[in-house]
C-alpha atoms as a PDB file:
ATOM      1  CA  MET A   1     124.020  82.175  67.780  1.00  0.00           C
ATOM      2  CA  LYS A   2     122.323  83.273  70.978  1.00  0.00           C
ATOM      3  CA  LYS A   3     121.274  87.601  70.815  1.00  0.00           C
ATOM      4  CA  HIS A   4     121.761  89.186  74.106  1.00  0.00           C
ATOM      5  CA  ASN A   5     119.193  92.771  73.023  1.00  0.00           C
ATOM      6  CA  PHE A   6     120.310  95.858  74.572  1.00  0.00           C
ATOM      7  CA  TYR A   7     117.878  97.986  72.456  1.00  0.00           C
ATOM      8  CA  ALA A   8     116.743 100.714  74.565  1.00  0.00           C
ATOM      9  CA  GLY A   9     112.766 100.934  72.945  1.00  0.00           C
ATOM     10  CA  PRO A  10     110.942  98.885  72.456  1.00  0.00           C
ATOM     11  CA  SER A  11     113.034  96.295  73.902  1.00  0.00           C
ATOM     12  CA  ILE A  12     113.750  92.645  75.507  1.00  0.00           C
ATOM     13  CA  LEU A  13     110.560  91.052  77.779  1.00  0.00           C
ATOM     14  CA  PRO A  14     110.112  88.808  79.733  1.00  0.00           C
ATOM     15  CA  GLU A  15     110.071  85.086  77.394  1.00  0.00           C
ATOM     16  CA  PHE A  16     106.807  84.501  80.016  1.00  0.00           C
ATOM     17  CA  THR A  17     105.592  87.556  78.144  1.00  0.00           C
ATOM     18  CA  ILE A  18     106.331  86.718  74.874  1.00  0.00           C
ATOM     19  CA  LYS A  19     105.339  83.161  74.660  1.00  0.00           C
ATOM     20  CA  ASN A  20     101.963  84.018  76.786  1.00  0.00           C
ATOM     21  CA  SER A  21     100.415  86.694  73.930  1.00  0.00           C
ATOM     22  CA  ALA A  22     101.391  84.469  71.499  1.00  0.00           C
ATOM     23  CA  GLU A  23      99.400  82.380  72.736  1.00  0.00           C
ATOM     24  CA  ALA A  24      96.959  84.680  72.909  1.00  0.00           C
ATOM     25  CA  ILE A  25      97.575  86.162  69.419  1.00  0.00           C
ATOM     26  CA  LEU A  26      96.094  82.349  68.504  1.00  0.00           C
ATOM     27  CA  ASP A  27      93.640  81.547  71.214  1.00  0.00           C
ATOM     28  CA  PHE A  28      92.434  83.652  74.431  1.00  0.00           C
ATOM     29  CA  ALA A  29      91.092  83.042  77.148  1.00  0.00           C
ATOM     30  CA  GLY A  30      89.963  79.720  75.473  1.00  0.00           C
ATOM     31  CA  THR A  31      87.299  81.848  73.431  1.00  0.00           C
ATOM     32  CA  GLY A  32      88.017  80.375  70.196  1.00  0.00           C
ATOM     33  CA  LEU A  33      89.139  83.892  69.524  1.00  0.00           C
ATOM     34  CA  SER A  34      92.486  85.920  68.709  1.00  0.00           C
ATOM     35  CA  ILE A  35      93.011  88.442  71.606  1.00  0.00           C
ATOM     36  CA  LEU A  36      93.897  90.458  67.974  1.00  0.00           C
ATOM     37  CA  GLU A  37      90.205  90.349  67.009  1.00  0.00           C
ATOM     38  CA  VAL A  38      87.708  89.579  70.616  1.00  0.00           C
ATOM     39  CA  SER A  39      85.766  92.740  72.391  1.00  0.00           C
ATOM     40  CA  HIS A  40      87.641  94.862  74.863  1.00  0.00           C
ATOM     41  CA  ARG A  41      84.143  94.644  76.702  1.00  0.00           C
ATOM     42  CA  SER A  42      83.958  90.763  76.084  1.00  0.00           C
ATOM     43  CA  LYS A  43      84.145  89.955  80.360  1.00  0.00           C
ATOM     44  CA  GLU A  44      87.531  87.961  78.958  1.00  0.00           C
ATOM     45  CA  PHE A  45      89.092  91.042  78.792  1.00  0.00           C
ATOM     46  CA  VAL A  46      87.381  93.082  81.287  1.00  0.00           C
ATOM     47  CA  ALA A  47      89.521  90.638  83.396  1.00  0.00           C
ATOM     48  CA  VAL A  48      92.258  90.843  81.850  1.00  0.00           C
ATOM     49  CA  MET A  49      92.152  94.963  82.674  1.00  0.00           C
ATOM     50  CA  ASP A  50      91.320  94.495  86.524  1.00  0.00           C
ATOM     51  CA  GLU A  51      94.056  92.257  86.966  1.00  0.00           C
ATOM     52  CA  ALA A  52      96.183  94.456  85.136  1.00  0.00           C
ATOM     53  CA  ARG A  53      94.870  97.278  87.619  1.00  0.00           C
ATOM     54  CA  ASP A  54      95.140  95.211  90.819  1.00  0.00           C
ATOM     55  CA  LEU A  55      99.021  93.381  89.591  1.00  0.00           C
ATOM     56  CA  PHE A  56     100.229  96.901  89.426  1.00  0.00           C
ATOM     57  CA  LYS A  57      98.988  98.718  92.209  1.00  0.00           C
ATOM     58  CA  GLU A  58     100.728  95.294  94.409  1.00  0.00           C
ATOM     59  CA  LEU A  59     103.747  95.632  92.743  1.00  0.00           C
ATOM     60  CA  LEU A  60     104.014  99.467  93.312  1.00  0.00           C
ATOM     61  CA  ASN A  61     101.712  99.243  96.625  1.00  0.00           C
ATOM     62  CA  ILE A  62      99.900 102.076  95.238  1.00  0.00           C
ATOM     63  CA  PRO A  63      98.035 103.673  97.625  1.00  0.00           C
ATOM     64  CA  ASP A  64      93.936 104.054  97.713  1.00  0.00           C
ATOM     65  CA  GLY A  65      92.940 106.880  96.458  1.00  0.00           C
ATOM     66  CA  TYR A  66      95.327 106.134  93.219  1.00  0.00           C
ATOM     67  CA  HIS A  67      93.632 104.521  89.777  1.00  0.00           C
ATOM     68  CA  VAL A  68      96.122 103.003  87.040  1.00  0.00           C
ATOM     69  CA  LEU A  69      95.038 103.841  84.020  1.00  0.00           C
ATOM     70  CA  PHE A  70      96.235 102.206  80.412  1.00  0.00           C
ATOM     71  CA  LEU A  71      95.392 103.703  77.839  1.00  0.00           C
ATOM     72  CA  GLY A  72      96.937 104.649  74.081  1.00  0.00           C
ATOM     73  CA  GLY A  73      98.919 107.326  73.098  1.00  0.00           C
ATOM     74  CA  GLY A  74     102.406 107.176  74.324  1.00  0.00           C
ATOM     75  CA  ALA A  75     104.487 108.991  77.314  1.00  0.00           C
ATOM     76  CA  SER A  76     105.000 112.278  74.657  1.00  0.00           C
ATOM     77  CA  THR A  77     100.686 112.697  74.580  1.00  0.00           C
ATOM     78  CA  GLN A  78     100.638 112.390  78.540  1.00  0.00           C
ATOM     79  CA  PHE A  79     103.711 116.090  78.036  1.00  0.00           C
ATOM     80  CA  TYR A  80     100.515 118.087  77.208  1.00  0.00           C
ATOM     81  CA  THR A  81      97.995 115.853  79.075  1.00  0.00           C
ATOM     82  CA  VAL A  82      99.595 116.225  82.884  1.00  0.00           C
ATOM     83  CA  PRO A  83      99.498 120.170  82.226  1.00  0.00           C
ATOM     84  CA  PHE A  84      95.999 120.360  80.540  1.00  0.00           C
ATOM     85  CA  ASN A  85      94.952 118.558  84.246  1.00  0.00           C
ATOM     86  CA  PHE A  86      97.480 120.247  86.236  1.00  0.00           C
ATOM     87  CA  LEU A  87      98.750 123.325  85.040  1.00  0.00           C
ATOM     88  CA  ASN A  88      96.760 126.047  86.116  1.00  0.00           C
ATOM     89  CA  THR A  89      98.736 129.170  86.339  1.00  0.00           C
ATOM     90  CA  LYS A  90     102.399 128.044  86.634  1.00  0.00           C
ATOM     91  CA  ALA A  91     104.595 125.111  86.703  1.00  0.00           C
ATOM     92  CA  ALA A  92     108.082 123.657  87.565  1.00  0.00           C
ATOM     93  CA  TYR A  93     110.440 121.249  85.859  1.00  0.00           C
ATOM     94  CA  LEU A  94     114.073 119.818  85.873  1.00  0.00           C
ATOM     95  CA  ASN A  95     115.161 119.948  82.682  1.00  0.00           C
ATOM     96  CA  THR A  96     117.741 116.601  82.303  1.00  0.00           C
ATOM     97  CA  GLY A  97     117.335 115.122  78.938  1.00  0.00           C
ATOM     98  CA  GLU A  98     115.357 115.483  75.433  1.00  0.00           C
ATOM     99  CA  TRP A  99     112.273 114.194  76.722  1.00  0.00           C
ATOM    100  CA  ALA A 100     112.061 116.504  80.030  1.00  0.00           C
ATOM    101  CA  SER A 101     113.040 118.642  77.326  1.00  0.00           C
ATOM    102  CA  LYS A 102     109.928 117.912  74.863  1.00  0.00           C
ATOM    103  CA  ALA A 103     107.087 117.542  78.158  1.00  0.00           C
ATOM    104  CA  ILE A 104     108.770 121.825  79.422  1.00  0.00           C
ATOM    105  CA  LYS A 105     107.559 123.040  75.259  1.00  0.00           C
ATOM    106  CA  GLU A 106     104.404 121.098  75.731  1.00  0.00           C
ATOM    107  CA  ALA A 107     103.180 122.361  78.930  1.00  0.00           C
ATOM    108  CA  LYS A 108     104.850 125.753  78.164  1.00  0.00           C
ATOM    109  CA  PHE A 109     100.932 126.144  75.776  1.00  0.00           C
ATOM    110  CA  PHE A 110      99.003 126.069  79.538  1.00  0.00           C
ATOM    111  CA  GLY A 111     101.317 128.618  81.257  1.00  0.00           C
ATOM    112  CA  GLU A 112     104.309 129.569  82.627  1.00  0.00           C
ATOM    113  CA  VAL A 113     106.930 126.920  83.130  1.00  0.00           C
ATOM    114  CA  VAL A 114     110.132 127.334  85.018  1.00  0.00           C
ATOM    115  CA  GLU A 115     113.058 126.394  84.245  1.00  0.00           C
ATOM    116  CA  VAL A 116     114.383 125.221  87.997  1.00  0.00           C
ATOM    117  CA  ALA A 117     117.849 123.649  86.702  1.00  0.00           C
ATOM    118  CA  SER A 118     118.633 121.829  83.129  1.00  0.00           C
ATOM    119  CA  SER A 119     122.040 119.849  82.608  1.00  0.00           C
ATOM    120  CA  LYS A 120     121.658 120.704  79.374  1.00  0.00           C
ATOM    121  CA  ASP A 121     124.875 122.708  79.410  1.00  0.00           C
ATOM    122  CA  LYS A 122     126.987 119.489  79.538  1.00  0.00           C
ATOM    123  CA  ASN A 123     124.662 117.387  77.018  1.00  0.00           C
ATOM    124  CA  PHE A 124     122.816 115.855  80.352  1.00  0.00           C
ATOM    125  CA  ASN A 125     125.344 114.625  81.393  1.00  0.00           C
ATOM    126  CA  TYR A 126     124.719 114.522  85.104  1.00  0.00           C
ATOM    127  CA  ILE A 127     121.839 114.759  86.821  1.00  0.00           C
ATOM    128  CA  PRO A 128     121.334 118.657  88.752  1.00  0.00           C
ATOM    129  CA  LYS A 129     121.343 119.352  92.627  1.00  0.00           C
ATOM    130  CA  GLY A 130     121.101 122.028  95.163  1.00  0.00           C
ATOM    131  CA  TYR A 131     118.430 123.940  93.032  1.00  0.00           C
ATOM    132  CA  THR A 132     114.831 125.126  94.494  1.00  0.00           C
ATOM    133  CA  VAL A 133     111.651 124.665  93.408  1.00  0.00           C
ATOM    134  CA  PRO A 134     109.350 127.098  94.254  1.00  0.00           C
ATOM    135  CA  ASP A 135     106.127 126.832  96.362  1.00  0.00           C
ATOM    136  CA  ASP A 136     104.016 128.424  94.245  1.00  0.00           C
ATOM    137  CA  VAL A 137     103.763 126.293  91.299  1.00  0.00           C
ATOM    138  CA  ASP A 138     101.291 123.550  90.414  1.00  0.00           C
ATOM    139  CA  TYR A 139     103.185 121.097  90.272  1.00  0.00           C
ATOM    140  CA  PHE A 140     107.415 119.552  90.335  1.00  0.00           C
ATOM    141  CA  HIS A 141     107.824 117.166  87.066  1.00  0.00           C
ATOM    142  CA  ILE A 142     110.888 115.176  86.726  1.00  0.00           C
ATOM    143  CA  THR A 143     111.957 112.512  84.099  1.00  0.00           C
ATOM    144  CA  THR A 144     113.110 109.905  86.243  1.00  0.00           C
ATOM    145  CA  ASN A 145     115.737 108.114  83.864  1.00  0.00           C
ATOM    146  CA  ASN A 146     117.038 109.099  80.643  1.00  0.00           C
ATOM    147  CA  THR A 147     117.643 106.969  77.882  1.00  0.00           C
ATOM    148  CA  ILE A 148     119.313 108.873  75.418  1.00  0.00           C
ATOM    149  CA  TYR A 149     121.995 110.325  77.661  1.00  0.00           C
ATOM    150  CA  GLY A 150     122.333 108.035  80.608  1.00  0.00           C
ATOM    151  CA  THR A 151     121.267 109.823  83.431  1.00  0.00           C
ATOM    152  CA  GLU A 152     119.290 108.098  86.330  1.00  0.00           C
ATOM    153  CA  LEU A 153     117.234 109.520  89.387  1.00  0.00           C
ATOM    154  CA  LEU A 154     117.062 106.728  92.106  1.00  0.00           C
ATOM    155  CA  LYS A 155     115.518 108.741  94.936  1.00  0.00           C
ATOM    156  CA  ASP A 156     112.319 110.179  94.639  1.00  0.00           C
ATOM    157  CA  PRO A 157     112.229 114.171  96.092  1.00  0.00           C
ATOM    158  CA  GLU A 158     111.217 115.537  98.175  1.00  0.00           C
ATOM    159  CA  VAL A 159     109.075 118.351  97.491  1.00  0.00           C
ATOM    160  CA  ASN A 160     105.893 120.535  98.800  1.00  0.00           C
ATOM    161  CA  VAL A 161     104.476 120.471  95.998  1.00  0.00           C
ATOM    162  CA  PRO A 162     102.425 118.252  93.821  1.00  0.00           C
ATOM    163  CA  LEU A 163     105.020 115.443  91.970  1.00  0.00           C
ATOM    164  CA  ALA A 164     104.775 115.032  88.681  1.00  0.00           C
ATOM    165  CA  ALA A 165     106.960 112.113  87.072  1.00  0.00           C
ATOM    166  CA  ASP A 166     107.523 110.766  83.858  1.00  0.00           C
ATOM    167  CA  MET A 167     109.128 106.970  84.426  1.00  0.00           C
ATOM    168  CA  SER A 168     108.997 105.419  81.126  1.00  0.00           C
ATOM    169  CA  SER A 169     112.748 104.160  81.176  1.00  0.00           C
ATOM    170  CA  ASP A 170     112.658 102.834  84.726  1.00  0.00           C
ATOM    171  CA  ILE A 171     108.821 101.565  86.199  1.00  0.00           C
ATOM    172  CA  LEU A 172     108.797  98.683  87.960  1.00  0.00           C
ATOM    173  CA  SER A 173     112.514  98.768  88.059  1.00  0.00           C
ATOM    174  CA  ARG A 174     112.608  99.754  91.627  1.00  0.00           C
ATOM    175  CA  PRO A 175     110.419 100.530  94.393  1.00  0.00           C
ATOM    176  CA  VAL A 176     108.898 103.428  93.907  1.00  0.00           C
ATOM    177  CA  ASP A 177     107.256 106.134  97.351  1.00  0.00           C
ATOM    178  CA  VAL A 178     104.125 106.486  94.792  1.00  0.00           C
ATOM    179  CA  SER A 179     102.554 108.722  97.767  1.00  0.00           C
ATOM    180  CA  LYS A 180     104.784 111.153  97.418  1.00  0.00           C
ATOM    181  CA  TYR A 181     103.283 111.844  93.676  1.00  0.00           C
ATOM    182  CA  ALA A 182     100.614 113.011  92.279  1.00  0.00           C
ATOM    183  CA  VAL A 183     100.887 111.664  88.675  1.00  0.00           C
ATOM    184  CA  ILE A 184     103.626 108.940  87.072  1.00  0.00           C
ATOM    185  CA  TYR A 185     102.918 108.353  83.687  1.00  0.00           C
ATOM    186  CA  GLY A 186     105.120 106.546  80.925  1.00  0.00           C
ATOM    187  CA  GLY A 187     104.932 104.274  77.833  1.00  0.00           C
ATOM    188  CA  ALA A 188     105.422 101.159  77.807  1.00  0.00           C
ATOM    189  CA  GLN A 189     108.031  99.531  75.330  1.00  0.00           C
ATOM    190  CA  LYS A 190     110.533  99.359  78.064  1.00  0.00           C
ATOM    191  CA  ASN A 191     110.200  97.864  81.591  1.00  0.00           C
ATOM    192  CA  LEU A 192     106.474  96.467  80.574  1.00  0.00           C
ATOM    193  CA  ALA A 193     104.322  95.546  77.712  1.00  0.00           C
ATOM    194  CA  PRO A 194     105.407  95.969  73.448  1.00  0.00           C
ATOM    195  CA  ALA A 195     104.891  99.481  72.161  1.00  0.00           C
ATOM    196  CA  GLY A 196     101.210 101.625  72.358  1.00  0.00           C
ATOM    197  CA  LEU A 197     100.580 100.647  75.101  1.00  0.00           C
ATOM    198  CA  THR A 198     100.320 103.869  78.377  1.00  0.00           C
ATOM    199  CA  PHE A 199     100.167 103.851  82.197  1.00  0.00           C
ATOM    200  CA  VAL A 200      98.976 106.232  84.162  1.00  0.00           C
ATOM    201  CA  ILE A 201      98.965 106.759  88.031  1.00  0.00           C
ATOM    202  CA  VAL A 202      96.957 109.480  89.064  1.00  0.00           C
ATOM    203  CA  ARG A 203      96.291 110.964  92.944  1.00  0.00           C
ATOM    204  CA  GLU A 204      92.193 111.172  92.145  1.00  0.00           C
ATOM    205  CA  ASP A 205      91.700 114.129  94.927  1.00  0.00           C
ATOM    206  CA  ALA A 206      94.907 116.073  93.003  1.00  0.00           C
ATOM    207  CA  LEU A 207      92.461 116.654  90.098  1.00  0.00           C
ATOM    208  CA  GLY A 208      89.675 118.755  89.776  1.00  0.00           C
ATOM    209  CA  LYS A 209      92.235 122.272  90.381  1.00  0.00           C
ATOM    210  CA  VAL A 210      92.035 123.711  86.591  1.00  0.00           C
ATOM    211  CA  THR A 211      89.564 126.109  85.259  1.00  0.00           C
ATOM    212  CA  ARG A 212      89.652 125.898  81.947  1.00  0.00           C
ATOM    213  CA  PRO A 213      87.320 123.561  80.042  1.00  0.00           C
ATOM    214  CA  MET A 214      88.887 120.023  79.678  1.00  0.00           C
ATOM    215  CA  PRO A 215      88.448 118.079  76.326  1.00  0.00           C
ATOM    216  CA  THR A 216      86.874 114.837  77.140  1.00  0.00           C
ATOM    217  CA  MET A 217      89.304 112.489  75.969  1.00  0.00           C
ATOM    218  CA  ILE A 218      92.620 114.149  78.023  1.00  0.00           C
ATOM    219  CA  ASN A 219      90.445 114.283  81.023  1.00  0.00           C
ATOM    220  CA  TYR A 220      91.807 111.563  83.063  1.00  0.00           C
ATOM    221  CA  LYS A 221      88.944 111.733  85.203  1.00  0.00           C
ATOM    222  CA  THR A 222      86.992 110.544  81.739  1.00  0.00           C
ATOM    223  CA  HIS A 223      89.564 107.193  82.421  1.00  0.00           C
ATOM    224  CA  ILE A 224      89.022 107.236  85.750  1.00  0.00           C
ATOM    225  CA  ASP A 225      85.193 106.625  85.604  1.00  0.00           C
ATOM    226  CA  LYS A 226      85.531 104.558  82.811  1.00  0.00           C
ATOM    227  CA  GLY A 227      87.778 102.021  83.568  1.00  0.00           C
ATOM    228  CA  SER A 228      90.737 102.738  81.289  1.00  0.00           C
ATOM    229  CA  MET A 229      87.217 101.905  78.612  1.00  0.00           C
ATOM    230  CA  PHE A 230      86.121 105.093  77.648  1.00  0.00           C
ATOM    231  CA  ASN A 231      87.057 104.250  74.212  1.00  0.00           C
ATOM    232  CA  THR A 232      89.104 100.971  72.893  1.00  0.00           C
ATOM    233  CA  PRO A 233      92.249 100.500  74.406  1.00  0.00           C
ATOM    234  CA  PRO A 234      95.766  99.018  73.050  1.00  0.00           C
ATOM    235  CA  VAL A 235      94.337  95.591  73.946  1.00  0.00           C
ATOM    236  CA  LEU A 236      97.547  93.083  72.882  1.00  0.00           C
ATOM    237  CA  ALA A 237      99.386  95.572  74.766  1.00  0.00           C
ATOM    238  CA  VAL A 238      97.644  95.394  78.133  1.00  0.00           C
ATOM    239  CA  TYR A 239      97.483  91.984  77.535  1.00  0.00           C
ATOM    240  CA  SER A 240     101.254  91.639  77.633  1.00  0.00           C
ATOM    241  CA  ALA A 241     101.213  93.764  80.485  1.00  0.00           C
ATOM    242  CA  LEU A 242     100.040  91.567  82.650  1.00  0.00           C
ATOM    243  CA  GLN A 243     101.745  88.549  81.523  1.00  0.00           C
ATOM    244  CA  THR A 244     105.198  91.017  82.770  1.00  0.00           C
ATOM    245  CA  LEU A 245     103.543  92.224  85.405  1.00  0.00           C
ATOM    246  CA  LYS A 246     102.722  88.468  86.035  1.00  0.00           C
ATOM    247  CA  TRP A 247     106.873  86.993  85.450  1.00  0.00           C
ATOM    248  CA  LEU A 248     107.860  90.140  88.174  1.00  0.00           C
ATOM    249  CA  LYS A 249     105.244  89.180  90.671  1.00  0.00           C
ATOM    250  CA  ALA A 250     106.734  85.059  90.206  1.00  0.00           C
ATOM    251  CA  MET A 251     110.224  87.089  90.177  1.00  0.00           C
ATOM    252  CA  GLY A 252     110.182  88.221  94.008  1.00  0.00           C
ATOM    253  CA  GLY A 253     108.392  91.864  93.208  1.00  0.00           C
ATOM    254  CA  VAL A 254     110.680  95.514  92.376  1.00  0.00           C
ATOM    255  CA  GLU A 255     112.375  94.709  95.493  1.00  0.00           C
ATOM    256  CA  VAL A 256     114.240  92.113  93.273  1.00  0.00           C
ATOM    257  CA  MET A 257     114.219  93.521  90.698  1.00  0.00           C
ATOM    258  CA  GLU A 258     115.928  96.395  91.701  1.00  0.00           C
ATOM    259  CA  LYS A 259     119.087  94.011  93.629  1.00  0.00           C
ATOM    260  CA  ARG A 260     119.303  91.784  90.175  1.00  0.00           C
ATOM    261  CA  ASN A 261     119.327  95.621  88.481  1.00  0.00           C
ATOM    262  CA  ILE A 262     121.984  96.899  90.925  1.00  0.00           C
ATOM    263  CA  ALA A 263     124.062  93.819  89.994  1.00  0.00           C
ATOM    264  CA  LYS A 264     123.351  94.385  85.784  1.00  0.00           C
ATOM    265  CA  ALA A 265     124.876  97.643  86.337  1.00  0.00           C
ATOM    266  CA  GLU A 266     127.844  96.861  88.402  1.00  0.00           C
ATOM    267  CA  LEU A 267     128.746  94.964  86.701  1.00  0.00           C
ATOM    268  CA  ILE A 268     128.879  96.865  83.103  1.00  0.00           C
ATOM    269  CA  TYR A 269     129.888 100.191  84.998  1.00  0.00           C
ATOM    270  CA  GLY A 270     132.806  98.218  86.692  1.00  0.00           C
ATOM    271  CA  GLU A 271     134.149  96.895  83.295  1.00  0.00           C
ATOM    272  CA  ILE A 272     133.443 100.742  81.481  1.00  0.00           C
ATOM    273  CA  ASP A 273     135.462 101.997  84.307  1.00  0.00           C
ATOM    274  CA  ARG A 274     138.435  99.448  84.327  1.00  0.00           C
ATOM    275  CA  ASN A 275     138.598  99.017  80.615  1.00  0.00           C
ATOM    276  CA  LYS A 276     141.258 101.087  78.895  1.00  0.00           C
ATOM    277  CA  LEU A 277     139.514 101.686  75.394  1.00  0.00           C
ATOM    278  CA  PHE A 278     135.928 102.968  77.008  1.00  0.00           C
ATOM    279  CA  VAL A 279     134.776 105.831  78.880  1.00  0.00           C
ATOM    280  CA  PRO A 280     131.571 106.744  80.868  1.00  0.00           C
ATOM    281  CA  THR A 281     129.079 109.340  78.650  1.00  0.00           C
ATOM    282  CA  VAL A 282     128.415 110.003  82.775  1.00  0.00           C
ATOM    283  CA  PRO A 283     131.520 110.620  85.346  1.00  0.00           C
ATOM    284  CA  ASN A 284     129.724 110.686  88.795  1.00  0.00           C
ATOM    285  CA  PRO A 285     128.766 107.325  89.507  1.00  0.00           C
ATOM    286  CA  GLU A 286     125.643 108.321  92.205  1.00  0.00           C
ATOM    287  CA  ASP A 287     123.950 109.617  87.959  1.00  0.00           C
ATOM    288  CA  ARG A 288     124.408 106.998  86.060  1.00  0.00           C
ATOM    289  CA  SER A 289     121.395 105.177  85.345  1.00  0.00           C
ATOM    290  CA  ARG A 290     121.157 101.481  85.948  1.00  0.00           C
ATOM    291  CA  MET A 291     118.646 101.265  82.740  1.00  0.00           C
ATOM    292  CA  ASN A 292     120.391 102.411  79.973  1.00  0.00           C
ATOM    293  CA  VAL A 293     124.401 102.354  80.385  1.00  0.00           C
ATOM    294  CA  CYS A 294     126.287 105.198  77.434  1.00  0.00           C
ATOM    295  CA  TYR A 295     129.908 104.795  76.957  1.00  0.00           C
ATOM    296  CA  VAL A 296     132.229 106.153  74.400  1.00  0.00           C
ATOM    297  CA  MET A 297     135.477 105.406  73.509  1.00  0.00           C
ATOM    298  CA  ALA A 298     137.935 106.851  75.138  1.00  0.00           C
ATOM    299  CA  GLU A 299     139.872 108.905  72.323  1.00  0.00           C
ATOM    300  CA  GLU A 300     143.143 107.930  71.830  1.00  0.00           C
ATOM    301  CA  TYR A 301     140.723 104.798  70.548  1.00  0.00           C
ATOM    302  CA  LYS A 302     137.974 106.953  69.099  1.00  0.00           C
ATOM    303  CA  GLU A 303     139.196 105.545  65.668  1.00  0.00           C
ATOM    304  CA  LEU A 304     138.134 102.018  66.713  1.00  0.00           C
ATOM    305  CA  GLU A 305     134.221 103.254  67.197  1.00  0.00           C
ATOM    306  CA  LYS A 306     132.711 101.256  64.382  1.00  0.00           C
ATOM    307  CA  GLU A 307     135.458  98.117  64.849  1.00  0.00           C
ATOM    308  CA  PHE A 308     134.039  97.411  67.659  1.00  0.00           C
ATOM    309  CA  LEU A 309     130.132  98.025  67.433  1.00  0.00           C
ATOM    310  CA  ASP A 310     131.051  95.277  64.126  1.00  0.00           C
ATOM    311  CA  PHE A 311     133.098  93.175  65.920  1.00  0.00           C
ATOM    312  CA  ALA A 312     130.184  93.302  69.618  1.00  0.00           C
ATOM    313  CA  THR A 313     127.442  92.747  66.340  1.00  0.00           C
ATOM    314  CA  ALA A 314     129.341  89.696  65.462  1.00  0.00           C
ATOM    315  CA  ARG A 315     129.064  88.168  68.457  1.00  0.00           C
ATOM    316  CA  GLY A 316     124.993  88.415  69.227  1.00  0.00           C
ATOM    317  CA  MET A 317     124.993  91.430  70.974  1.00  0.00           C
ATOM    318  CA  VAL A 318     121.935  93.576  69.417  1.00  0.00           C
ATOM    319  CA  GLY A 319     121.322  97.477  69.999  1.00  0.00           C
ATOM    320  CA  ILE A 320     124.892  98.269  71.526  1.00  0.00           C
ATOM    321  CA  LYS A 321     124.543 101.269  68.883  1.00  0.00           C
ATOM    322  CA  GLY A 322     124.156 104.713  70.895  1.00  0.00           C
ATOM    323  CA  TYR A 323     122.170 107.587  70.295  1.00  0.00           C
ATOM    324  CA  ARG A 324     123.107 110.177  67.950  1.00  0.00           C
ATOM    325  CA  THR A 325     123.766 112.986  70.131  1.00  0.00           C
ATOM    326  CA  VAL A 326     125.639 110.850  72.910  1.00  0.00           C
ATOM    327  CA  GLY A 327     127.750 108.383  70.583  1.00  0.00           C
ATOM    328  CA  GLY A 328     129.392 105.754  71.604  1.00  0.00           C
ATOM    329  CA  PHE A 329     127.847 102.649  72.882  1.00  0.00           C
ATOM    330  CA  ARG A 330     124.691 101.797  74.786  1.00  0.00           C
ATOM    331  CA  ALA A 331     123.336  99.153  76.847  1.00  0.00           C
ATOM    332  CA  SER A 332     119.299  99.204  77.839  1.00  0.00           C
ATOM    333  CA  THR A 333     119.928  96.590  80.866  1.00  0.00           C
ATOM    334  CA  TYR A 334     116.179  96.466  81.566  1.00  0.00           C
ATOM    335  CA  ASN A 335     114.377  94.258  83.788  1.00  0.00           C
ATOM    336  CA  ALA A 336     114.035  90.988  81.837  1.00  0.00           C
ATOM    337  CA  LEU A 337     117.587  91.517  80.463  1.00  0.00           C
ATOM    338  CA  PRO A 338     119.723  88.120  82.413  1.00  0.00           C
ATOM    339  CA  ILE A 339     123.057  89.330  84.231  1.00  0.00           C
ATOM    340  CA  GLU A 340     124.339  86.480  81.422  1.00  0.00           C
ATOM    341  CA  SER A 341     123.960  89.407  78.951  1.00  0.00           C
ATOM    342  CA  VAL A 342     125.817  92.041  80.334  1.00  0.00           C
ATOM    343  CA  GLN A 343     128.382  89.121  81.309  1.00  0.00           C
ATOM    344  CA  ALA A 344     129.015  88.583  77.177  1.00  0.00           C
ATOM    345  CA  LEU A 345     128.988  92.217  76.714  1.00  0.00           C
ATOM    346  CA  VAL A 346     131.584  92.471  79.623  1.00  0.00           C
ATOM    347  CA  ASP A 347     132.948  89.404  77.612  1.00  0.00           C
ATOM    348  CA  VAL A 348     132.883  90.645  74.613  1.00  0.00           C
ATOM    349  CA  MET A 349     134.826  94.446  75.979  1.00  0.00           C
ATOM    350  CA  ARG A 350     137.484  92.335  77.255  1.00  0.00           C
ATOM    351  CA  GLU A 351     138.219  90.055  74.109  1.00  0.00           C
ATOM    352  CA  PHE A 352     138.175  93.177  71.948  1.00  0.00           C
ATOM    353  CA  GLU A 353     140.582  95.230  74.232  1.00  0.00           C
ATOM    354  CA  ALA A 354     142.966  91.727  74.252  1.00  0.00           C
ATOM    355  CA  LYS A 355     143.704  92.165  70.769  1.00  0.00           C
ATOM    356  CA  ILE A 356     144.442  95.820  70.441  1.00  0.00           C
END
C-alpha cells in the first residue's frame, strides 16, 4: 500500500533528495567515503556548501548584502540568537502561536518586548490585523507559518523597522521579498532537509548595532566570516538541503511551488468546507495555512474522531493526527507532497462520509 506522508516535521522530502542522500551515505562524490565520515573541510564538501548557498540565493532572489548561513541548533536556538544580535533596548513581536510565544520568552532576556498583537484569545486560530508596530523598536518579529494551529502570513509586512521572521515551515513555498527583512531563519526539517540543520538569511549591514559583548558562537558575524564553517556543520543535512534545492530549481522554482501549494490547499480546504463531518480550525480563509491544514470533527460527530483516524490510517494516510492543543487532524502539505496524496486524503474523507 502506498503511504501518504502528512507529518508536520520531520516531514516528507523529495524522492530525489532521499535517493541522492542515500547514495552519498555509501559513496560521496566518488571519494570512496561516506558523507557521514568525510571532512567538512574537504574540497568536495566545501563545494556542497558553496553550491547550496548559491542556489538558496538564486531561488529566493536574495539581494546583495545578505548572507546565507547553514548552522546547527534548530530554530529554537535562533529564538535567543536573533535578540542577542539585534535587540539593544526594545523589540516588537506578533504572537501567533506556540513558537512565537517561545521566541517572545527568549527575547525578554535581552530587553523590553512589546507584544503588538496576539491571537491567543481564540487559541491562535487567526492572524491578528490592525496592530501598530512602534517606530522606536530595534526590530519586529513574526512567525510566518504556524504548524500547530494552521495559520499563515502570506504577505510580507510593511513596517518602518527591521523585520525578523521565523520561516521554518513555509520557506521556499512561495516568493518572499527578502529585501524587507533583516533576518530570516528556520529549521530545515519541513521544506528543505532532515532535522539538524538551521538556515539563516541575514543582512550584514543590520548587524553590529548592539552594545553588549557577543559570545562567539551566537554572533552571526562569526559564521559569516567562516562561511558557516566555524564549527562542524550538520554535513549530511547540508548535503540533503542541496539536493532539495536542486529539485526545486528543476521543478521551476518557488513560483511554481506556490502554484502547486495553492492547488493542494484549495483541494483539501474545499473538501473540509463541503464535508458535513469536518470543520476547519481556522475560520477565515485568508488566514489559513497552505502548509498545515488543521481541522476537527463537526460537533455532532465528535465521537467519530478516532474511528476516522483509524479509517484513514488503514488507507495509507500517515501523520494526520492533530497537535494535542488543537486536536482533530492536521495534513501538512509541504512542497514535496504531491497533489495525488492530497486527493487520496480527500477521497478517504468522502468515503468515510458516505458510510456514516
